[in-house]
């Protein structure tokens, strides 16, 4: 169960992941910003309660960019081809 808070075009999220033993494995936090046709996002996964020496505090960083294209649907132009009788 996570949470997300947004205001206008900016949203912030926080999502904890639990291991099968109900221990907190890691936490994912992120930002998402929408500017018309372009959407920018950043997610950060970290293990705040890790006591293992091989597992670092930061697990991964994710950055993404989404570009919205124009609607190119052309259903009105497609017509059935009627073949003449042979």
PDB file of N, CA and C in Angstrom:
ATOM      1  N   UNK A   1       0.848  -1.154   0.000  1.00  0.00           N
ATOM      2  CA  UNK A   1       0.000   0.000   0.000  1.00  0.00           C
ATOM      3  C   UNK A   1       0.903   1.228   0.000  1.00  0.00           C
ATOM      4  N   UNK A   2       0.671   2.114  -0.939  1.00  0.00           N
ATOM      5  CA  UNK A   2       1.479   3.311  -1.033  1.00  0.00           C
ATOM      6  C   UNK A   2       0.607   4.545  -1.031  1.00  0.00           C
ATOM      7  N   UNK A   3       1.251   5.676  -1.237  1.00  0.00           N
ATOM      8  CA  UNK A   3       0.514   6.925  -1.257  1.00  0.00           C
ATOM      9  C   UNK A   3       1.039   7.806  -2.385  1.00  0.00           C
ATOM     10  N   UNK A   4       0.165   8.633  -2.903  1.00  0.00           N
ATOM     11  CA  UNK A   4       0.528   9.566  -3.957  1.00  0.00           C
ATOM     12  C   UNK A   4      -0.179  10.884  -3.692  1.00  0.00           C
ATOM     13  N   UNK A   5       0.547  11.968  -3.816  1.00  0.00           N
ATOM     14  CA  UNK A   5       0.000  13.305  -3.610  1.00  0.00           C
ATOM     15  C   UNK A   5       0.296  14.106  -4.867  1.00  0.00           C
ATOM     16  N   UNK A   6      -0.729  14.786  -5.376  1.00  0.00           N
ATOM     17  CA  UNK A   6      -0.508  15.578  -6.578  1.00  0.00           C
ATOM     18  C   UNK A   6      -1.134  16.950  -6.444  1.00  0.00           C
ATOM     19  N   UNK A   7      -0.529  17.895  -7.122  1.00  0.00           N
ATOM     20  CA  UNK A   7      -1.031  19.260  -7.195  1.00  0.00           C
ATOM     21  C   UNK A   7      -0.785  19.757  -8.603  1.00  0.00           C
ATOM     22  N   UNK A   8      -1.851  20.033  -9.318  1.00  0.00           N
ATOM     23  CA  UNK A   8      -1.803  20.459 -10.723  1.00  0.00           C
ATOM     24  C   UNK A   8      -1.047  19.427 -11.544  1.00  0.00           C
ATOM     25  N   UNK A   9       0.122  19.746 -12.080  1.00  0.00           N
ATOM     26  CA  UNK A   9       0.848  18.840 -12.966  1.00  0.00           C
ATOM     27  C   UNK A   9       1.968  18.070 -12.275  1.00  0.00           C
ATOM     28  N   UNK A  10       2.153  18.242 -10.986  1.00  0.00           N
ATOM     29  CA  UNK A  10       3.229  17.573 -10.254  1.00  0.00           C
ATOM     30  C   UNK A  10       2.643  16.559  -9.280  1.00  0.00           C
ATOM     31  N   UNK A  11       3.209  15.351  -9.278  1.00  0.00           N
ATOM     32  CA  UNK A  11       2.781  14.349  -8.302  1.00  0.00           C
ATOM     33  C   UNK A  11       4.002  13.702  -7.660  1.00  0.00           C
ATOM     34  N   UNK A  12       3.840  13.329  -6.402  1.00  0.00           N
ATOM     35  CA  UNK A  12       4.894  12.694  -5.609  1.00  0.00           C
ATOM     36  C   UNK A  12       4.315  11.394  -5.057  1.00  0.00           C
ATOM     37  N   UNK A  13       5.103  10.308  -5.114  1.00  0.00           N
ATOM     38  CA  UNK A  13       4.589   9.039  -4.613  1.00  0.00           C
ATOM     39  C   UNK A  13       5.594   8.377  -3.682  1.00  0.00           C
ATOM     40  N   UNK A  14       5.080   7.491  -2.855  1.00  0.00           N
ATOM     41  CA  UNK A  14       5.889   6.732  -1.907  1.00  0.00           C
ATOM     42  C   UNK A  14       5.249   5.357  -1.776  1.00  0.00           C
ATOM     43  N   UNK A  15       6.041   4.303  -2.016  1.00  0.00           N
ATOM     44  CA  UNK A  15       5.517   2.946  -2.016  1.00  0.00           C
ATOM     45  C   UNK A  15       6.484   2.021  -1.293  1.00  0.00           C
ATOM     46  N   UNK A  16       6.096   1.462  -0.140  1.00  0.00           N
ATOM     47  CA  UNK A  16       6.968   0.508   0.559  1.00  0.00           C
ATOM     48  C   UNK A  16       6.754  -0.915   0.031  1.00  0.00           C
ATOM     49  N   UNK A  17       7.823  -1.696  -0.038  1.00  0.00           N
ATOM     50  CA  UNK A  17       7.768  -3.104  -0.420  1.00  0.00           C
ATOM     51  C   UNK A  17       8.156  -3.951   0.779  1.00  0.00           C
ATOM     52  N   UNK A  18       7.374  -4.986   1.035  1.00  0.00           N
ATOM     53  CA  UNK A  18       7.616  -5.852   2.177  1.00  0.00           C
ATOM     54  C   UNK A  18       8.045  -7.231   1.697  1.00  0.00           C
ATOM     55  N   UNK A  19       8.945  -7.857   2.442  1.00  0.00           N
ATOM     56  CA  UNK A  19       9.375  -9.220   2.138  1.00  0.00           C
ATOM     57  C   UNK A  19       8.324 -10.194   2.668  1.00  0.00           C
ATOM     58  N   UNK A  20       8.390 -11.464   2.281  1.00  0.00           N
ATOM     59  CA  UNK A  20       7.387 -12.434   2.758  1.00  0.00           C
ATOM     60  C   UNK A  20       7.309 -12.542   4.282  1.00  0.00           C
ATOM     61  N   UNK A  21       8.358 -12.218   5.001  1.00  0.00           N
ATOM     62  CA  UNK A  21       8.335 -12.267   6.450  1.00  0.00           C
ATOM     63  C   UNK A  21       7.791 -10.994   7.078  1.00  0.00           C
ATOM     64  N   UNK A  22       7.098 -10.141   6.267  1.00  0.00           N
ATOM     65  CA  UNK A  22       6.531  -8.863   6.710  1.00  0.00           C
ATOM     66  C   UNK A  22       7.581  -7.872   7.180  1.00  0.00           C
ATOM     67  N   UNK A  23       8.774  -7.982   6.660  1.00  0.00           N
ATOM     68  CA  UNK A  23       9.811  -6.988   6.948  1.00  0.00           C
ATOM     69  C   UNK A  23       9.876  -6.002   5.790  1.00  0.00           C
ATOM     70  N   UNK A  24      10.212  -4.789   6.073  1.00  0.00           N
ATOM     71  CA  UNK A  24      10.335  -3.763   5.039  1.00  0.00           C
ATOM     72  C   UNK A  24      11.582  -4.051   4.213  1.00  0.00           C
ATOM     73  N   UNK A  25      11.394  -4.355   2.925  1.00  0.00           N
ATOM     74  CA  UNK A  25      12.524  -4.668   2.051  1.00  0.00           C
ATOM     75  C   UNK A  25      13.151  -3.400   1.488  1.00  0.00           C
ATOM     76  N   UNK A  26      12.333  -2.602   0.813  1.00  0.00           N
ATOM     77  CA  UNK A  26      12.831  -1.331   0.293  1.00  0.00           C
ATOM     78  C   UNK A  26      11.661  -0.393   0.060  1.00  0.00           C
ATOM     79  N   UNK A  27      11.981   0.861  -0.220  1.00  0.00           N
ATOM     80  CA  UNK A  27      10.986   1.908  -0.425  1.00  0.00           C
ATOM     81  C   UNK A  27      11.240   2.541  -1.788  1.00  0.00           C
ATOM     82  N   UNK A  28      10.169   2.772  -2.525  1.00  0.00           N
ATOM     83  CA  UNK A  28      10.273   3.475  -3.801  1.00  0.00           C
ATOM     84  C   UNK A  28       9.607   4.827  -3.652  1.00  0.00           C
ATOM     85  N   UNK A  29      10.322   5.870  -4.001  1.00  0.00           N
ATOM     86  CA  UNK A  29       9.756   7.210  -3.998  1.00  0.00           C
ATOM     87  C   UNK A  29       9.966   7.811  -5.379  1.00  0.00           C
ATOM     88  N   UNK A  30       9.130   8.745  -5.750  1.00  0.00           N
ATOM     89  CA  UNK A  30       9.276   9.298  -7.086  1.00  0.00           C
ATOM     90  C   UNK A  30       8.527  10.593  -7.299  1.00  0.00           C
ATOM     91  N   UNK A  31       8.862  11.230  -8.417  1.00  0.00           N
ATOM     92  CA  UNK A  31       8.233  12.470  -8.868  1.00  0.00           C
ATOM     93  C   UNK A  31       7.743  12.267 -10.293  1.00  0.00           C
ATOM     94  N   UNK A  32       6.655  12.926 -10.637  1.00  0.00           N
ATOM     95  CA  UNK A  32       6.128  12.879 -11.996  1.00  0.00           C
ATOM     96  C   UNK A  32       5.621  14.279 -12.333  1.00  0.00           C
ATOM     97  N   UNK A  33       6.068  14.797 -13.478  1.00  0.00           N
ATOM     98  CA  UNK A  33       5.687  16.147 -13.886  1.00  0.00           C
ATOM     99  C   UNK A  33       5.192  16.109 -15.323  1.00  0.00           C
ATOM    100  N   UNK A  34       4.017  16.663 -15.568  1.00  0.00           N
ATOM    101  CA  UNK A  34       3.415  16.671 -16.903  1.00  0.00           C
ATOM    102  C   UNK A  34       3.381  18.097 -17.427  1.00  0.00           C
ATOM    103  N   UNK A  35       3.923  18.289 -18.637  1.00  0.00           N
ATOM    104  CA  UNK A  35       3.922  19.603 -19.278  1.00  0.00           C
ATOM    105  C   UNK A  35       3.315  19.481 -20.663  1.00  0.00           C
ATOM    106  N   UNK A  36       2.013  19.402 -20.745  1.00  0.00           N
ATOM    107  CA  UNK A  36       1.359  19.314 -22.050  1.00  0.00           C
ATOM    108  C   UNK A  36       1.662  18.017 -22.760  1.00  0.00           C
ATOM    109  N   UNK A  37       2.569  18.037 -23.739  1.00  0.00           N
ATOM    110  CA  UNK A  37       2.890  16.854 -24.529  1.00  0.00           C
ATOM    111  C   UNK A  37       4.056  16.035 -23.978  1.00  0.00           C
ATOM    112  N   UNK A  38       4.760  16.532 -22.987  1.00  0.00           N
ATOM    113  CA  UNK A  38       5.924  15.827 -22.437  1.00  0.00           C
ATOM    114  C   UNK A  38       5.689  15.529 -20.959  1.00  0.00           C
ATOM    115  N   UNK A  39       6.000  14.286 -20.569  1.00  0.00           N
ATOM    116  CA  UNK A  39       5.907  13.887 -19.169  1.00  0.00           C
ATOM    117  C   UNK A  39       7.292  13.449 -18.695  1.00  0.00           C
ATOM    118  N   UNK A  40       7.705  13.961 -17.553  1.00  0.00           N
ATOM    119  CA  UNK A  40       9.009  13.631 -16.982  1.00  0.00           C
ATOM    120  C   UNK A  40       8.795  12.909 -15.660  1.00  0.00           C
ATOM    121  N   UNK A  41       9.636  11.922 -15.391  1.00  0.00           N
ATOM    122  CA  UNK A  41       9.491  11.190 -14.144  1.00  0.00           C
ATOM    123  C   UNK A  41      10.822  10.742 -13.585  1.00  0.00           C
ATOM    124  N   UNK A  42      10.857  10.571 -12.288  1.00  0.00           N
ATOM    125  CA  UNK A  42      12.058  10.090 -11.598  1.00  0.00           C
ATOM    126  C   UNK A  42      11.618   9.190 -10.454  1.00  0.00           C
ATOM    127  N   UNK A  43      12.150   7.979 -10.391  1.00  0.00           N
ATOM    128  CA  UNK A  43      11.882   7.042  -9.304  1.00  0.00           C
ATOM    129  C   UNK A  43      13.198   6.651  -8.652  1.00  0.00           C
ATOM    130  N   UNK A  44      13.166   6.498  -7.341  1.00  0.00           N
ATOM    131  CA  UNK A  44      14.358   6.177  -6.565  1.00  0.00           C
ATOM    132  C   UNK A  44      14.000   5.040  -5.608  1.00  0.00           C
ATOM    133  N   UNK A  45      14.696   3.922  -5.713  1.00  0.00           N
ATOM    134  CA  UNK A  45      14.474   2.776  -4.827  1.00  0.00           C
ATOM    135  C   UNK A  45      15.628   2.688  -3.842  1.00  0.00           C
ATOM    136  N   UNK A  46      15.314   2.586  -2.570  1.00  0.00           N
ATOM    137  CA  UNK A  46      16.375   2.472  -1.574  1.00  0.00           C
ATOM    138  C   UNK A  46      15.936   1.553  -0.445  1.00  0.00           C
ATOM    139  N   UNK A  47      16.917   1.035   0.269  1.00  0.00           N
ATOM    140  CA  UNK A  47      16.688   0.117   1.384  1.00  0.00           C
ATOM    141  C   UNK A  47      17.090   0.829   2.677  1.00  0.00           C
ATOM    142  N   UNK A  48      16.146   1.473   3.352  1.00  0.00           N
ATOM    143  CA  UNK A  48      16.499   2.275   4.524  1.00  0.00           C
ATOM    144  C   UNK A  48      16.900   1.453   5.748  1.00  0.00           C
ATOM    145  N   UNK A  49      16.396   0.230   5.877  1.00  0.00           N
ATOM    146  CA  UNK A  49      16.676  -0.574   7.068  1.00  0.00           C
ATOM    147  C   UNK A  49      17.602  -1.753   6.775  1.00  0.00           C
ATOM    148  N   UNK A  50      18.382  -1.659   5.719  1.00  0.00           N
ATOM    149  CA  UNK A  50      19.263  -2.759   5.349  1.00  0.00           C
ATOM    150  C   UNK A  50      20.464  -2.823   6.287  1.00  0.00           C
ATOM    151  N   UNK A  51      20.712  -4.017   6.819  1.00  0.00           N
ATOM    152  CA  UNK A  51      21.901  -4.210   7.650  1.00  0.00           C
ATOM    153  C   UNK A  51      22.914  -5.119   6.968  1.00  0.00           C
ATOM    154  N   UNK A  52      22.685  -5.428   5.697  1.00  0.00           N
ATOM    155  CA  UNK A  52      23.627  -6.243   4.937  1.00  0.00           C
ATOM    156  C   UNK A  52      24.722  -5.358   4.360  1.00  0.00           C
ATOM    157  N   UNK A  53      25.935  -5.848   4.378  1.00  0.00           N
ATOM    158  CA  UNK A  53      27.056  -5.061   3.860  1.00  0.00           C
ATOM    159  C   UNK A  53      27.126  -5.111   2.333  1.00  0.00           C
ATOM    160  N   UNK A  54      26.553  -6.156   1.732  1.00  0.00           N
ATOM    161  CA  UNK A  54      26.594  -6.269   0.274  1.00  0.00           C
ATOM    162  C   UNK A  54      25.493  -5.464  -0.409  1.00  0.00           C
ATOM    163  N   UNK A  55      24.431  -5.136   0.308  1.00  0.00           N
ATOM    164  CA  UNK A  55      23.324  -4.387  -0.267  1.00  0.00           C
ATOM    165  C   UNK A  55      23.484  -2.909   0.066  1.00  0.00           C
ATOM    166  N   UNK A  56      23.742  -2.088  -0.927  1.00  0.00           N
ATOM    167  CA  UNK A  56      23.929  -0.658  -0.640  1.00  0.00           C
ATOM    168  C   UNK A  56      22.604   0.019  -0.309  1.00  0.00           C
ATOM    169  N   UNK A  57      22.709   1.227   0.129  1.00  0.00           N
ATOM    170  CA  UNK A  57      21.515   2.000   0.469  1.00  0.00           C
ATOM    171  C   UNK A  57      20.661   2.261  -0.766  1.00  0.00           C
ATOM    172  N   UNK A  58      21.285   2.599  -1.879  1.00  0.00           N
ATOM    173  CA  UNK A  58      20.559   2.868  -3.116  1.00  0.00           C
ATOM    174  C   UNK A  58      20.480   1.607  -3.958  1.00  0.00           C
ATOM    175  N   UNK A  59      19.264   1.203  -4.318  1.00  0.00           N
ATOM    176  CA  UNK A  59      19.082   0.027  -5.160  1.00  0.00           C
ATOM    177  C   UNK A  59      19.022   0.400  -6.633  1.00  0.00           C
ATOM    178  N   UNK A  60      18.275   1.448  -6.978  1.00  0.00           N
ATOM    179  CA  UNK A  60      18.205   1.860  -8.382  1.00  0.00           C
ATOM    180  C   UNK A  60      17.620   3.258  -8.512  1.00  0.00           C
ATOM    181  N   UNK A  61      17.971   3.892  -9.604  1.00  0.00           N
ATOM    182  CA  UNK A  61      17.412   5.181 -10.010  1.00  0.00           C
ATOM    183  C   UNK A  61      16.784   4.990 -11.378  1.00  0.00           C
ATOM    184  N   UNK A  62      15.621   5.556 -11.591  1.00  0.00           N
ATOM    185  CA  UNK A  62      14.951   5.471 -12.881  1.00  0.00           C
ATOM    186  C   UNK A  62      14.515   6.865 -13.303  1.00  0.00           C
ATOM    187  N   UNK A  63      14.860   7.225 -14.534  1.00  0.00           N
ATOM    188  CA  UNK A  63      14.426   8.492 -15.113  1.00  0.00           C
ATOM    189  C   UNK A  63      13.706   8.153 -16.407  1.00  0.00           C
ATOM    190  N   UNK A  64      12.553   8.754 -16.633  1.00  0.00           N
ATOM    191  CA  UNK A  64      11.839   8.477 -17.860  1.00  0.00           C
ATOM    192  C   UNK A  64      11.248   9.759 -18.432  1.00  0.00           C
ATOM    193  N   UNK A  65      11.101   9.730 -19.760  1.00  0.00           N
ATOM    194  CA  UNK A  65      10.494  10.828 -20.510  1.00  0.00           C
ATOM    195  C   UNK A  65       9.451  10.206 -21.441  1.00  0.00           C
ATOM    196  N   UNK A  66       8.253  10.718 -21.419  1.00  0.00           N
ATOM    197  CA  UNK A  66       7.188  10.252 -22.308  1.00  0.00           C
ATOM    198  C   UNK A  66       6.746  11.420 -23.170  1.00  0.00           C
ATOM    199  N   UNK A  67       6.652  11.181 -24.473  1.00  0.00           N
ATOM    200  CA  UNK A  67       6.227  12.205 -25.422  1.00  0.00           C
ATOM    201  C   UNK A  67       4.873  11.786 -25.981  1.00  0.00           C
ATOM    202  N   UNK A  68       3.895  12.654 -25.878  1.00  0.00           N
ATOM    203  CA  UNK A  68       2.548  12.368 -26.375  1.00  0.00           C
ATOM    204  C   UNK A  68       2.479  12.803 -27.835  1.00  0.00           C
ATOM    205  N   UNK A  69       2.087  11.888 -28.698  1.00  0.00           N
ATOM    206  CA  UNK A  69       1.984  12.185 -30.123  1.00  0.00           C
ATOM    207  C   UNK A  69       0.567  12.615 -30.460  1.00  0.00           C
ATOM    208  N   UNK A  70       0.419  13.185 -31.633  1.00  0.00           N
ATOM    209  CA  UNK A  70      -0.911  13.577 -32.103  1.00  0.00           C
ATOM    210  C   UNK A  70      -1.767  12.346 -32.325  1.00  0.00           C
ATOM    211  N   UNK A  71      -3.072  12.520 -32.271  1.00  0.00           N
ATOM    212  CA  UNK A  71      -3.986  11.431 -32.574  1.00  0.00           C
ATOM    213  C   UNK A  71      -3.981  11.214 -34.081  1.00  0.00           C
ATOM    214  N   UNK A  72      -3.542  10.052 -34.519  1.00  0.00           N
ATOM    215  CA  UNK A  72      -3.428   9.778 -35.951  1.00  0.00           C
ATOM    216  C   UNK A  72      -4.475   8.770 -36.413  1.00  0.00           C
ATOM    217  N   UNK A  73      -5.520   8.614 -35.658  1.00  0.00           N
ATOM    218  CA  UNK A  73      -6.555   7.658 -36.025  1.00  0.00           C
ATOM    219  C   UNK A  73      -7.333   8.183 -37.223  1.00  0.00           C
ATOM    220  N   UNK A  74      -7.443   7.372 -38.243  1.00  0.00           N
ATOM    221  CA  UNK A  74      -8.101   7.784 -39.495  1.00  0.00           C
ATOM    222  C   UNK A  74      -9.196   6.791 -39.869  1.00  0.00           C
ATOM    223  N   UNK A  75     -10.104   6.497 -38.989  1.00  0.00           N
ATOM    224  CA  UNK A  75     -11.152   5.507 -39.268  1.00  0.00           C
ATOM    225  C   UNK A  75     -12.097   5.948 -40.377  1.00  0.00           C
ATOM    226  N   UNK A  76     -12.304   7.211 -40.524  1.00  0.00           N
ATOM    227  CA  UNK A  76     -13.262   7.681 -41.526  1.00  0.00           C
ATOM    228  C   UNK A  76     -12.781   7.437 -42.951  1.00  0.00           C
ATOM    229  N   UNK A  77     -11.485   7.312 -43.161  1.00  0.00           N
ATOM    230  CA  UNK A  77     -10.950   7.157 -44.509  1.00  0.00           C
ATOM    231  C   UNK A  77     -10.932   5.714 -44.986  1.00  0.00           C
ATOM    232  N   UNK A  78     -10.996   4.755 -44.085  1.00  0.00           N
ATOM    233  CA  UNK A  78     -10.920   3.356 -44.472  1.00  0.00           C
ATOM    234  C   UNK A  78     -12.313   2.882 -44.892  1.00  0.00           C
ATOM    235  N   UNK A  79     -12.373   2.332 -46.105  1.00  0.00           N
ATOM    236  CA  UNK A  79     -13.648   1.840 -46.621  1.00  0.00           C
ATOM    237  C   UNK A  79     -13.450   0.409 -47.109  1.00  0.00           C
ATOM    238  N   UNK A  80     -14.502  -0.328 -47.142  1.00  0.00           N
ATOM    239  CA  UNK A  80     -14.427  -1.714 -47.597  1.00  0.00           C
ATOM    240  C   UNK A  80     -14.213  -1.751 -49.117  1.00  0.00           C
ATOM    241  N   UNK A  81     -13.394  -2.674 -49.552  1.00  0.00           N
ATOM    242  CA  UNK A  81     -13.148  -2.857 -50.970  1.00  0.00           C
ATOM    243  C   UNK A  81     -14.168  -3.876 -51.485  1.00  0.00           C
ATOM    244  N   UNK A  82     -14.968  -3.469 -52.434  1.00  0.00           N
ATOM    245  CA  UNK A  82     -15.986  -4.360 -53.007  1.00  0.00           C
ATOM    246  C   UNK A  82     -15.477  -4.832 -54.359  1.00  0.00           C
ATOM    247  N   UNK A  83     -15.219  -6.134 -54.452  1.00  0.00           N
ATOM    248  CA  UNK A  83     -14.728  -6.702 -55.704  1.00  0.00           C
ATOM    249  C   UNK A  83     -15.904  -6.948 -56.648  1.00  0.00           C
ATOM    250  N   UNK A  84     -15.702  -6.731 -57.953  1.00  0.00           N
ATOM    251  CA  UNK A  84     -16.787  -7.007 -58.898  1.00  0.00           C
ATOM    252  C   UNK A  84     -17.009  -8.520 -59.015  1.00  0.00           C
ATOM    253  N   UNK A  85     -18.198  -8.916 -59.434  1.00  0.00           N
ATOM    254  CA  UNK A  85     -18.487 -10.342 -59.628  1.00  0.00           C
ATOM    255  C   UNK A  85     -17.651 -10.874 -60.769  1.00  0.00           C
ATOM    256  N   UNK A  86     -17.134 -12.051 -60.565  1.00  0.00           N
ATOM    257  CA  UNK A  86     -16.309 -12.661 -61.630  1.00  0.00           C
ATOM    258  C   UNK A  86     -17.046 -13.776 -62.314  1.00  0.00           C
TER     259      UNK A  86
END
